[in-house]
Amino acid sequence: MTAAAHCIFCDLIQGAAEVSICYEDAEAIAFMDIQPVNPGHVLVVHRHHYEGLHDLPRDLGMHLLEVAMRLASVVKTATECPGMNMVVNSGAAAGQDVFHYHVHLIPRREGDGFDIPLPFPGSEMPDRTLLDAMAARIIAVLRDPMRDPAPRPAPAVSR
């Protein structure tokens, strides 16, 4: 995050505004979304600022996933909902509007009006050769010895 950027989630984590916390530990905090899709909509957030999925160190991402998975079943029980979406929007093109990485836990009920249609109605099934070509490109990137496999936190400064 640049010094000029403002992050509402950082403000919430630092206690600068009201927030309804439902979980917290040394690395993560979870709170109720103030514009919920359905009652019980929770956001799981890291206490430190990471803009999106590509900025988040792997170990911290795994911790947030573990917290989200633990909370998903608890929220499902508390809301008595039959379904749950776990959603991450990373980047403006993906619909992210608060640029502090977070996971949405959205309790779902039949006919609630919210939809993430998959398969996407506007997509067509591509030719198998196109699918195979994209799979080969992904494999090539995975095998690239110069690729950084996952972002890492900055090294600690020794004194």
N, C-alpha and C. Protein backbone atom coordinates (compact mmCIF):
# COMPACT_ATOMS: atom_id res chain seq x y z
N MET A 1 0.86 -1.17 0.00
CA MET A 1 0.00 0.00 0.00
C MET A 1 0.90 1.23 0.00
N THR A 2 0.62 2.17 -0.85
CA THR A 2 1.40 3.39 -0.90
C THR A 2 1.00 4.28 0.26
N ALA A 3 1.88 5.20 0.61
CA ALA A 3 1.61 6.08 1.75
C ALA A 3 0.37 6.93 1.52
N ALA A 4 0.07 7.27 0.26
CA ALA A 4 -1.08 8.13 -0.04
C ALA A 4 -2.40 7.36 -0.05
N ALA A 5 -2.33 6.05 -0.17
CA ALA A 5 -3.56 5.26 -0.27
C ALA A 5 -4.24 5.16 1.10
N HIS A 6 -5.55 5.06 1.07
CA HIS A 6 -6.33 4.92 2.29
C HIS A 6 -7.03 3.58 2.26
N CYS A 7 -7.03 2.86 3.38
CA CYS A 7 -7.66 1.55 3.43
C CYS A 7 -8.63 1.49 4.60
N ILE A 8 -9.91 1.33 4.30
CA ILE A 8 -10.94 1.27 5.34
C ILE A 8 -10.76 0.05 6.23
N PHE A 9 -10.27 -1.07 5.66
CA PHE A 9 -10.06 -2.25 6.50
C PHE A 9 -8.93 -2.03 7.49
N CYS A 10 -7.87 -1.35 7.07
CA CYS A 10 -6.79 -1.02 8.01
C CYS A 10 -7.34 -0.14 9.13
N ASP A 11 -8.20 0.82 8.78
CA ASP A 11 -8.84 1.66 9.81
C ASP A 11 -9.63 0.81 10.79
N LEU A 12 -10.43 -0.12 10.28
CA LEU A 12 -11.24 -0.98 11.15
C LEU A 12 -10.37 -1.81 12.07
N ILE A 13 -9.31 -2.39 11.52
CA ILE A 13 -8.40 -3.23 12.30
C ILE A 13 -7.73 -2.42 13.41
N GLN A 14 -7.45 -1.14 13.13
CA GLN A 14 -6.79 -0.27 14.11
C GLN A 14 -7.78 0.39 15.07
N GLY A 15 -9.08 0.07 14.94
CA GLY A 15 -10.07 0.57 15.87
C GLY A 15 -10.58 1.96 15.57
N ALA A 16 -10.40 2.44 14.34
CA ALA A 16 -10.80 3.80 13.99
C ALA A 16 -12.29 3.93 13.66
N ALA A 17 -13.00 2.81 13.61
CA ALA A 17 -14.43 2.85 13.30
C ALA A 17 -15.10 1.65 13.94
N GLU A 18 -16.42 1.69 13.98
CA GLU A 18 -17.16 0.57 14.55
C GLU A 18 -17.07 -0.64 13.64
N VAL A 19 -16.93 -1.79 14.26
CA VAL A 19 -16.86 -3.05 13.53
C VAL A 19 -17.40 -4.15 14.44
N SER A 20 -18.15 -5.07 13.86
CA SER A 20 -18.72 -6.18 14.62
C SER A 20 -17.86 -7.42 14.38
N ILE A 21 -16.93 -7.66 15.29
CA ILE A 21 -15.96 -8.74 15.16
C ILE A 21 -16.59 -10.05 15.62
N CYS A 22 -16.38 -11.10 14.82
CA CYS A 22 -16.87 -12.43 15.21
C CYS A 22 -15.74 -13.43 15.40
N TYR A 23 -14.49 -13.04 15.06
CA TYR A 23 -13.33 -13.91 15.25
C TYR A 23 -12.09 -13.04 15.19
N GLU A 24 -11.09 -13.39 16.01
CA GLU A 24 -9.78 -12.76 15.86
C GLU A 24 -8.71 -13.63 16.48
N ASP A 25 -7.53 -13.55 15.87
CA ASP A 25 -6.33 -14.18 16.40
C ASP A 25 -5.16 -13.23 16.08
N ALA A 26 -3.94 -13.67 16.28
CA ALA A 26 -2.78 -12.79 16.09
C ALA A 26 -2.62 -12.31 14.66
N GLU A 27 -3.09 -13.09 13.67
CA GLU A 27 -2.90 -12.75 12.27
C GLU A 27 -4.17 -12.34 11.54
N ALA A 28 -5.31 -12.82 11.99
CA ALA A 28 -6.56 -12.62 11.25
C ALA A 28 -7.64 -12.00 12.12
N ILE A 29 -8.58 -11.38 11.42
CA ILE A 29 -9.76 -10.84 12.08
C ILE A 29 -10.93 -11.08 11.13
N ALA A 30 -12.07 -11.41 11.69
CA ALA A 30 -13.28 -11.61 10.87
C ALA A 30 -14.37 -10.75 11.46
N PHE A 31 -15.09 -10.09 10.57
CA PHE A 31 -16.15 -9.19 11.03
C PHE A 31 -17.31 -9.21 10.05
N MET A 32 -18.44 -8.70 10.52
CA MET A 32 -19.65 -8.71 9.73
C MET A 32 -19.57 -7.67 8.63
N ASP A 33 -19.96 -8.04 7.42
CA ASP A 33 -20.00 -7.12 6.29
C ASP A 33 -21.14 -6.12 6.52
N ILE A 34 -20.86 -4.82 6.34
CA ILE A 34 -21.90 -3.80 6.59
C ILE A 34 -22.88 -3.67 5.42
N GLN A 35 -22.59 -4.33 4.31
CA GLN A 35 -23.53 -4.41 3.19
C GLN A 35 -23.70 -5.87 2.83
N PRO A 36 -24.32 -6.65 3.74
CA PRO A 36 -24.36 -8.10 3.55
C PRO A 36 -25.28 -8.53 2.42
N VAL A 37 -24.86 -9.59 1.73
CA VAL A 37 -25.74 -10.24 0.76
C VAL A 37 -26.91 -10.85 1.52
N ASN A 38 -26.60 -11.53 2.61
CA ASN A 38 -27.58 -12.16 3.49
C ASN A 38 -27.10 -11.99 4.93
N PRO A 39 -27.99 -12.08 5.91
CA PRO A 39 -27.55 -12.02 7.31
C PRO A 39 -26.49 -13.09 7.58
N GLY A 40 -25.43 -12.70 8.26
CA GLY A 40 -24.33 -13.61 8.55
C GLY A 40 -23.15 -13.49 7.59
N HIS A 41 -23.22 -12.57 6.62
CA HIS A 41 -22.13 -12.35 5.66
C HIS A 41 -20.91 -11.83 6.43
N VAL A 42 -19.82 -12.59 6.38
CA VAL A 42 -18.61 -12.31 7.15
C VAL A 42 -17.44 -12.04 6.20
N LEU A 43 -16.55 -11.14 6.61
CA LEU A 43 -15.30 -10.89 5.90
C LEU A 43 -14.15 -11.38 6.77
N VAL A 44 -13.26 -12.17 6.19
CA VAL A 44 -12.07 -12.67 6.88
C VAL A 44 -10.88 -11.91 6.29
N VAL A 45 -10.13 -11.24 7.16
CA VAL A 45 -9.11 -10.28 6.72
C VAL A 45 -7.81 -10.52 7.50
N HIS A 46 -6.69 -10.32 6.84
CA HIS A 46 -5.41 -10.36 7.55
C HIS A 46 -5.19 -9.03 8.25
N ARG A 47 -4.56 -9.05 9.39
CA ARG A 47 -4.34 -7.81 10.16
C ARG A 47 -3.37 -6.85 9.47
N HIS A 48 -2.50 -7.38 8.61
CA HIS A 48 -1.56 -6.52 7.87
C HIS A 48 -2.09 -6.31 6.46
N HIS A 49 -1.72 -5.21 5.86
CA HIS A 49 -2.26 -4.84 4.55
C HIS A 49 -1.55 -5.59 3.42
N TYR A 50 -2.33 -6.37 2.70
CA TYR A 50 -1.92 -6.99 1.45
C TYR A 50 -3.04 -6.69 0.48
N GLU A 51 -2.71 -6.10 -0.66
CA GLU A 51 -3.74 -5.61 -1.57
C GLU A 51 -4.59 -6.72 -2.18
N GLY A 52 -3.95 -7.75 -2.69
CA GLY A 52 -4.71 -8.78 -3.38
C GLY A 52 -4.05 -10.14 -3.23
N LEU A 53 -4.60 -11.10 -3.91
CA LEU A 53 -4.15 -12.48 -3.84
C LEU A 53 -2.67 -12.62 -4.19
N HIS A 54 -2.19 -11.86 -5.16
CA HIS A 54 -0.79 -11.97 -5.59
C HIS A 54 0.19 -11.35 -4.61
N ASP A 55 -0.28 -10.51 -3.70
CA ASP A 55 0.59 -9.87 -2.72
C ASP A 55 0.69 -10.66 -1.42
N LEU A 56 -0.26 -11.51 -1.19
CA LEU A 56 -0.38 -12.21 0.08
C LEU A 56 0.64 -13.35 0.18
N PRO A 57 1.48 -13.35 1.22
CA PRO A 57 2.40 -14.48 1.39
C PRO A 57 1.62 -15.78 1.58
N ARG A 58 2.15 -16.84 1.04
CA ARG A 58 1.46 -18.13 1.03
C ARG A 58 1.02 -18.58 2.42
N ASP A 59 1.90 -18.50 3.42
CA ASP A 59 1.54 -18.98 4.75
C ASP A 59 0.38 -18.18 5.34
N LEU A 60 0.34 -16.89 5.06
CA LEU A 60 -0.75 -16.07 5.57
C LEU A 60 -2.05 -16.38 4.82
N GLY A 61 -1.94 -16.62 3.52
CA GLY A 61 -3.11 -17.01 2.74
C GLY A 61 -3.69 -18.33 3.24
N MET A 62 -2.82 -19.27 3.57
CA MET A 62 -3.28 -20.56 4.09
C MET A 62 -3.96 -20.37 5.44
N HIS A 63 -3.44 -19.48 6.26
CA HIS A 63 -4.07 -19.23 7.56
C HIS A 63 -5.46 -18.62 7.37
N LEU A 64 -5.58 -17.65 6.47
CA LEU A 64 -6.90 -17.05 6.23
C LEU A 64 -7.88 -18.09 5.70
N LEU A 65 -7.41 -18.99 4.84
CA LEU A 65 -8.28 -20.05 4.33
C LEU A 65 -8.73 -20.97 5.47
N GLU A 66 -7.81 -21.31 6.37
CA GLU A 66 -8.17 -22.15 7.52
C GLU A 66 -9.21 -21.45 8.39
N VAL A 67 -9.02 -20.16 8.64
CA VAL A 67 -9.99 -19.40 9.45
C VAL A 67 -11.34 -19.37 8.73
N ALA A 68 -11.32 -19.09 7.43
CA ALA A 68 -12.57 -19.03 6.66
C ALA A 68 -13.28 -20.38 6.68
N MET A 69 -12.55 -21.46 6.53
CA MET A 69 -13.16 -22.78 6.54
C MET A 69 -13.77 -23.09 7.91
N ARG A 70 -13.08 -22.71 8.97
CA ARG A 70 -13.60 -22.93 10.32
C ARG A 70 -14.88 -22.12 10.53
N LEU A 71 -14.83 -20.86 10.12
CA LEU A 71 -15.99 -19.99 10.31
C LEU A 71 -17.17 -20.37 9.43
N ALA A 72 -16.90 -20.89 8.24
CA ALA A 72 -17.99 -21.22 7.31
C ALA A 72 -19.00 -22.16 7.95
N SER A 73 -18.53 -23.20 8.61
CA SER A 73 -19.47 -24.14 9.22
C SER A 73 -20.17 -23.51 10.43
N VAL A 74 -19.48 -22.65 11.14
CA VAL A 74 -20.08 -21.98 12.30
C VAL A 74 -21.16 -21.00 11.83
N VAL A 75 -20.86 -20.22 10.79
CA VAL A 75 -21.84 -19.26 10.25
C VAL A 75 -23.04 -20.02 9.68
N LYS A 76 -22.78 -21.11 9.01
CA LYS A 76 -23.87 -21.90 8.44
C LYS A 76 -24.81 -22.38 9.55
N THR A 77 -24.25 -22.84 10.66
CA THR A 77 -25.06 -23.27 11.79
C THR A 77 -25.79 -22.10 12.43
N ALA A 78 -25.08 -20.99 12.65
CA ALA A 78 -25.68 -19.82 13.31
C ALA A 78 -26.81 -19.21 12.50
N THR A 79 -26.69 -19.24 11.19
CA THR A 79 -27.72 -18.64 10.33
C THR A 79 -28.77 -19.64 9.86
N GLU A 80 -28.53 -20.91 10.15
CA GLU A 80 -29.42 -21.98 9.70
C GLU A 80 -29.64 -21.95 8.19
N CYS A 81 -28.58 -21.59 7.46
CA CYS A 81 -28.69 -21.55 6.00
C CYS A 81 -28.22 -22.88 5.42
N PRO A 82 -28.80 -23.29 4.30
CA PRO A 82 -28.42 -24.57 3.71
C PRO A 82 -27.16 -24.52 2.82
N GLY A 83 -26.68 -23.31 2.50
CA GLY A 83 -25.53 -23.21 1.61
C GLY A 83 -24.60 -22.08 2.00
N MET A 84 -23.41 -22.07 1.39
CA MET A 84 -22.40 -21.06 1.71
C MET A 84 -21.54 -20.82 0.49
N ASN A 85 -21.30 -19.54 0.17
CA ASN A 85 -20.29 -19.17 -0.82
C ASN A 85 -19.07 -18.64 -0.10
N MET A 86 -17.89 -19.05 -0.56
CA MET A 86 -16.64 -18.46 -0.13
C MET A 86 -16.09 -17.77 -1.37
N VAL A 87 -15.94 -16.43 -1.31
CA VAL A 87 -15.60 -15.65 -2.49
C VAL A 87 -14.40 -14.76 -2.21
N VAL A 88 -13.47 -14.72 -3.17
CA VAL A 88 -12.35 -13.79 -3.14
C VAL A 88 -12.37 -13.03 -4.46
N ASN A 89 -12.45 -11.72 -4.39
CA ASN A 89 -12.31 -10.87 -5.57
C ASN A 89 -10.93 -10.23 -5.47
N SER A 90 -10.05 -10.51 -6.41
CA SER A 90 -8.69 -9.98 -6.36
C SER A 90 -8.42 -9.17 -7.62
N GLY A 91 -8.36 -7.86 -7.45
CA GLY A 91 -8.15 -6.93 -8.56
C GLY A 91 -9.44 -6.30 -8.99
N ALA A 92 -9.35 -5.09 -9.49
CA ALA A 92 -10.54 -4.34 -9.92
C ALA A 92 -11.32 -5.10 -10.99
N ALA A 93 -10.62 -5.76 -11.92
CA ALA A 93 -11.29 -6.49 -12.98
C ALA A 93 -12.11 -7.66 -12.43
N ALA A 94 -11.77 -8.12 -11.22
CA ALA A 94 -12.49 -9.23 -10.60
C ALA A 94 -13.57 -8.74 -9.64
N GLY A 95 -13.77 -7.42 -9.56
CA GLY A 95 -14.81 -6.88 -8.70
C GLY A 95 -14.35 -6.46 -7.32
N GLN A 96 -13.05 -6.47 -7.06
CA GLN A 96 -12.55 -6.03 -5.75
C GLN A 96 -12.74 -4.53 -5.63
N ASP A 97 -13.37 -4.09 -4.54
CA ASP A 97 -13.55 -2.65 -4.35
C ASP A 97 -12.86 -2.12 -3.09
N VAL A 98 -12.50 -2.99 -2.17
CA VAL A 98 -11.64 -2.62 -1.05
C VAL A 98 -10.34 -3.38 -1.27
N PHE A 99 -9.26 -2.64 -1.49
CA PHE A 99 -8.00 -3.25 -1.90
C PHE A 99 -7.13 -3.63 -0.70
N HIS A 100 -7.73 -4.45 0.14
CA HIS A 100 -7.08 -5.13 1.27
C HIS A 100 -7.62 -6.55 1.16
N TYR A 101 -6.75 -7.51 0.88
CA TYR A 101 -7.19 -8.88 0.61
C TYR A 101 -8.17 -9.35 1.68
N HIS A 102 -9.28 -9.94 1.23
CA HIS A 102 -10.27 -10.48 2.16
C HIS A 102 -11.07 -11.59 1.51
N VAL A 103 -11.63 -12.43 2.36
CA VAL A 103 -12.45 -13.55 1.94
C VAL A 103 -13.87 -13.29 2.42
N HIS A 104 -14.83 -13.40 1.50
CA HIS A 104 -16.25 -13.28 1.86
C HIS A 104 -16.80 -14.66 2.20
N LEU A 105 -17.51 -14.76 3.31
CA LEU A 105 -18.31 -15.94 3.62
C LEU A 105 -19.76 -15.49 3.54
N ILE A 106 -20.48 -16.04 2.58
CA ILE A 106 -21.84 -15.58 2.31
C ILE A 106 -22.83 -16.73 2.52
N PRO A 107 -23.62 -16.66 3.60
CA PRO A 107 -24.65 -17.68 3.80
C PRO A 107 -25.67 -17.59 2.68
N ARG A 108 -26.14 -18.76 2.20
CA ARG A 108 -27.04 -18.78 1.05
C ARG A 108 -28.31 -19.55 1.34
N ARG A 109 -29.38 -19.04 0.77
CA ARG A 109 -30.68 -19.70 0.80
C ARG A 109 -31.22 -19.76 -0.62
N GLU A 110 -31.97 -20.78 -0.91
CA GLU A 110 -32.60 -20.92 -2.22
C GLU A 110 -33.45 -19.68 -2.49
N GLY A 111 -33.28 -19.09 -3.68
CA GLY A 111 -34.09 -17.95 -4.08
C GLY A 111 -33.72 -16.63 -3.42
N ASP A 112 -32.51 -16.52 -2.84
CA ASP A 112 -32.14 -15.26 -2.16
C ASP A 112 -31.78 -14.14 -3.14
N GLY A 113 -31.71 -14.44 -4.42
CA GLY A 113 -31.48 -13.40 -5.42
C GLY A 113 -30.02 -13.14 -5.75
N PHE A 114 -29.09 -13.64 -4.96
CA PHE A 114 -27.66 -13.46 -5.23
C PHE A 114 -27.23 -14.60 -6.15
N ASP A 115 -26.34 -14.29 -7.09
CA ASP A 115 -25.94 -15.34 -8.01
C ASP A 115 -24.51 -15.13 -8.47
N ILE A 116 -23.79 -16.20 -8.50
CA ILE A 116 -22.47 -16.27 -9.13
C ILE A 116 -22.61 -17.41 -10.13
N PRO A 117 -23.13 -17.12 -11.31
CA PRO A 117 -23.48 -18.21 -12.24
C PRO A 117 -22.25 -18.89 -12.85
N LEU A 118 -22.07 -20.14 -12.49
CA LEU A 118 -21.02 -20.96 -13.09
C LEU A 118 -21.65 -22.28 -13.49
N PRO A 119 -21.51 -22.72 -14.71
CA PRO A 119 -20.75 -22.03 -15.75
C PRO A 119 -21.42 -20.72 -16.14
N PHE A 120 -20.59 -19.76 -16.51
CA PHE A 120 -21.05 -18.44 -16.92
C PHE A 120 -21.90 -18.56 -18.17
N PRO A 121 -23.13 -18.01 -18.14
CA PRO A 121 -24.03 -18.16 -19.28
C PRO A 121 -23.49 -17.60 -20.59
N GLY A 122 -22.58 -16.61 -20.52
CA GLY A 122 -22.03 -16.00 -21.73
C GLY A 122 -20.85 -16.74 -22.31
N SER A 123 -20.41 -17.80 -21.65
CA SER A 123 -19.25 -18.52 -22.17
C SER A 123 -19.67 -19.70 -23.02
N GLU A 124 -18.79 -20.04 -23.96
CA GLU A 124 -19.04 -21.21 -24.80
C GLU A 124 -17.94 -22.21 -24.53
N MET A 125 -18.25 -23.46 -24.70
CA MET A 125 -17.27 -24.50 -24.47
C MET A 125 -16.20 -24.42 -25.57
N PRO A 126 -14.93 -24.17 -25.21
CA PRO A 126 -13.88 -24.07 -26.21
C PRO A 126 -13.48 -25.44 -26.75
N ASP A 127 -12.82 -25.39 -27.89
CA ASP A 127 -12.27 -26.60 -28.48
C ASP A 127 -11.23 -27.18 -27.52
N ARG A 128 -11.16 -28.50 -27.44
CA ARG A 128 -10.23 -29.17 -26.53
C ARG A 128 -8.79 -28.72 -26.76
N THR A 129 -8.40 -28.41 -28.01
CA THR A 129 -7.02 -27.99 -28.27
C THR A 129 -6.71 -26.67 -27.57
N LEU A 130 -7.70 -25.77 -27.44
CA LEU A 130 -7.49 -24.51 -26.72
C LEU A 130 -7.32 -24.76 -25.22
N LEU A 131 -8.11 -25.68 -24.68
CA LEU A 131 -7.97 -26.04 -23.27
C LEU A 131 -6.61 -26.67 -23.01
N ASP A 132 -6.19 -27.57 -23.89
CA ASP A 132 -4.89 -28.23 -23.76
C ASP A 132 -3.75 -27.22 -23.87
N ALA A 133 -3.88 -26.25 -24.79
CA ALA A 133 -2.84 -25.23 -24.96
C ALA A 133 -2.72 -24.37 -23.71
N MET A 134 -3.83 -23.98 -23.11
CA MET A 134 -3.77 -23.18 -21.89
C MET A 134 -3.19 -24.00 -20.74
N ALA A 135 -3.57 -25.26 -20.64
CA ALA A 135 -3.00 -26.13 -19.60
C ALA A 135 -1.48 -26.21 -19.77
N ALA A 136 -0.99 -26.33 -21.02
CA ALA A 136 0.45 -26.40 -21.29
C ALA A 136 1.14 -25.10 -20.90
N ARG A 137 0.50 -23.96 -21.14
CA ARG A 137 1.09 -22.66 -20.74
C ARG A 137 1.22 -22.58 -19.22
N ILE A 138 0.18 -23.03 -18.52
CA ILE A 138 0.22 -23.00 -17.05
C ILE A 138 1.32 -23.91 -16.52
N ILE A 139 1.45 -25.11 -17.10
CA ILE A 139 2.51 -26.03 -16.69
C ILE A 139 3.88 -25.41 -16.94
N ALA A 140 4.05 -24.74 -18.08
CA ALA A 140 5.34 -24.11 -18.40
C ALA A 140 5.69 -23.04 -17.37
N VAL A 141 4.72 -22.25 -16.96
CA VAL A 141 4.98 -21.22 -15.95
C VAL A 141 5.32 -21.87 -14.61
N LEU A 142 4.59 -22.92 -14.25
CA LEU A 142 4.87 -23.62 -12.98
C LEU A 142 6.29 -24.17 -12.96
N ARG A 143 6.78 -24.63 -14.10
CA ARG A 143 8.11 -25.24 -14.18
C ARG A 143 9.23 -24.23 -14.40
N ASP A 144 8.91 -22.99 -14.62
CA ASP A 144 9.92 -21.96 -14.88
C ASP A 144 10.79 -21.78 -13.64
N PRO A 145 12.10 -22.07 -13.74
CA PRO A 145 12.96 -21.96 -12.56
C PRO A 145 13.15 -20.51 -12.09
N MET A 146 12.84 -19.54 -12.93
CA MET A 146 13.01 -18.13 -12.56
C MET A 146 11.75 -17.54 -11.91
N ARG A 147 10.68 -18.31 -11.91
CA ARG A 147 9.42 -17.84 -11.34
C ARG A 147 9.49 -17.87 -9.83
N ASP A 148 9.02 -16.80 -9.21
CA ASP A 148 8.90 -16.77 -7.75
C ASP A 148 7.60 -17.51 -7.41
N PRO A 149 7.67 -18.66 -6.75
CA PRO A 149 6.48 -19.48 -6.53
C PRO A 149 5.41 -18.82 -5.67
N ALA A 150 5.79 -17.97 -4.75
CA ALA A 150 4.79 -17.31 -3.91
C ALA A 150 5.43 -16.09 -3.27
N PRO A 151 4.68 -15.01 -3.14
CA PRO A 151 5.23 -13.83 -2.47
C PRO A 151 5.65 -14.18 -1.06
N ARG A 152 6.68 -13.56 -0.61
CA ARG A 152 7.18 -13.79 0.75
C ARG A 152 7.21 -12.46 1.50
N PRO A 153 7.05 -12.51 2.81
CA PRO A 153 7.15 -11.26 3.56
C PRO A 153 8.57 -10.71 3.48
N ALA A 154 8.70 -9.41 3.64
CA ALA A 154 10.02 -8.79 3.62
C ALA A 154 10.85 -9.35 4.76
N PRO A 155 12.16 -9.54 4.55
CA PRO A 155 12.99 -10.08 5.63
C PRO A 155 13.03 -9.11 6.81
N ALA A 156 13.14 -9.69 7.99
CA ALA A 156 13.23 -8.87 9.21
C ALA A 156 14.54 -8.11 9.20
N VAL A 157 14.51 -6.91 9.70
CA VAL A 157 15.70 -6.08 9.79
C VAL A 157 16.42 -6.41 11.09
N SER A 158 17.68 -6.83 11.00
CA SER A 158 18.44 -7.15 12.23
C SER A 158 19.04 -5.87 12.76
N ARG A 159 19.13 -5.81 14.06
CA ARG A 159 19.68 -4.60 14.71
C ARG A 159 20.89 -4.94 15.51
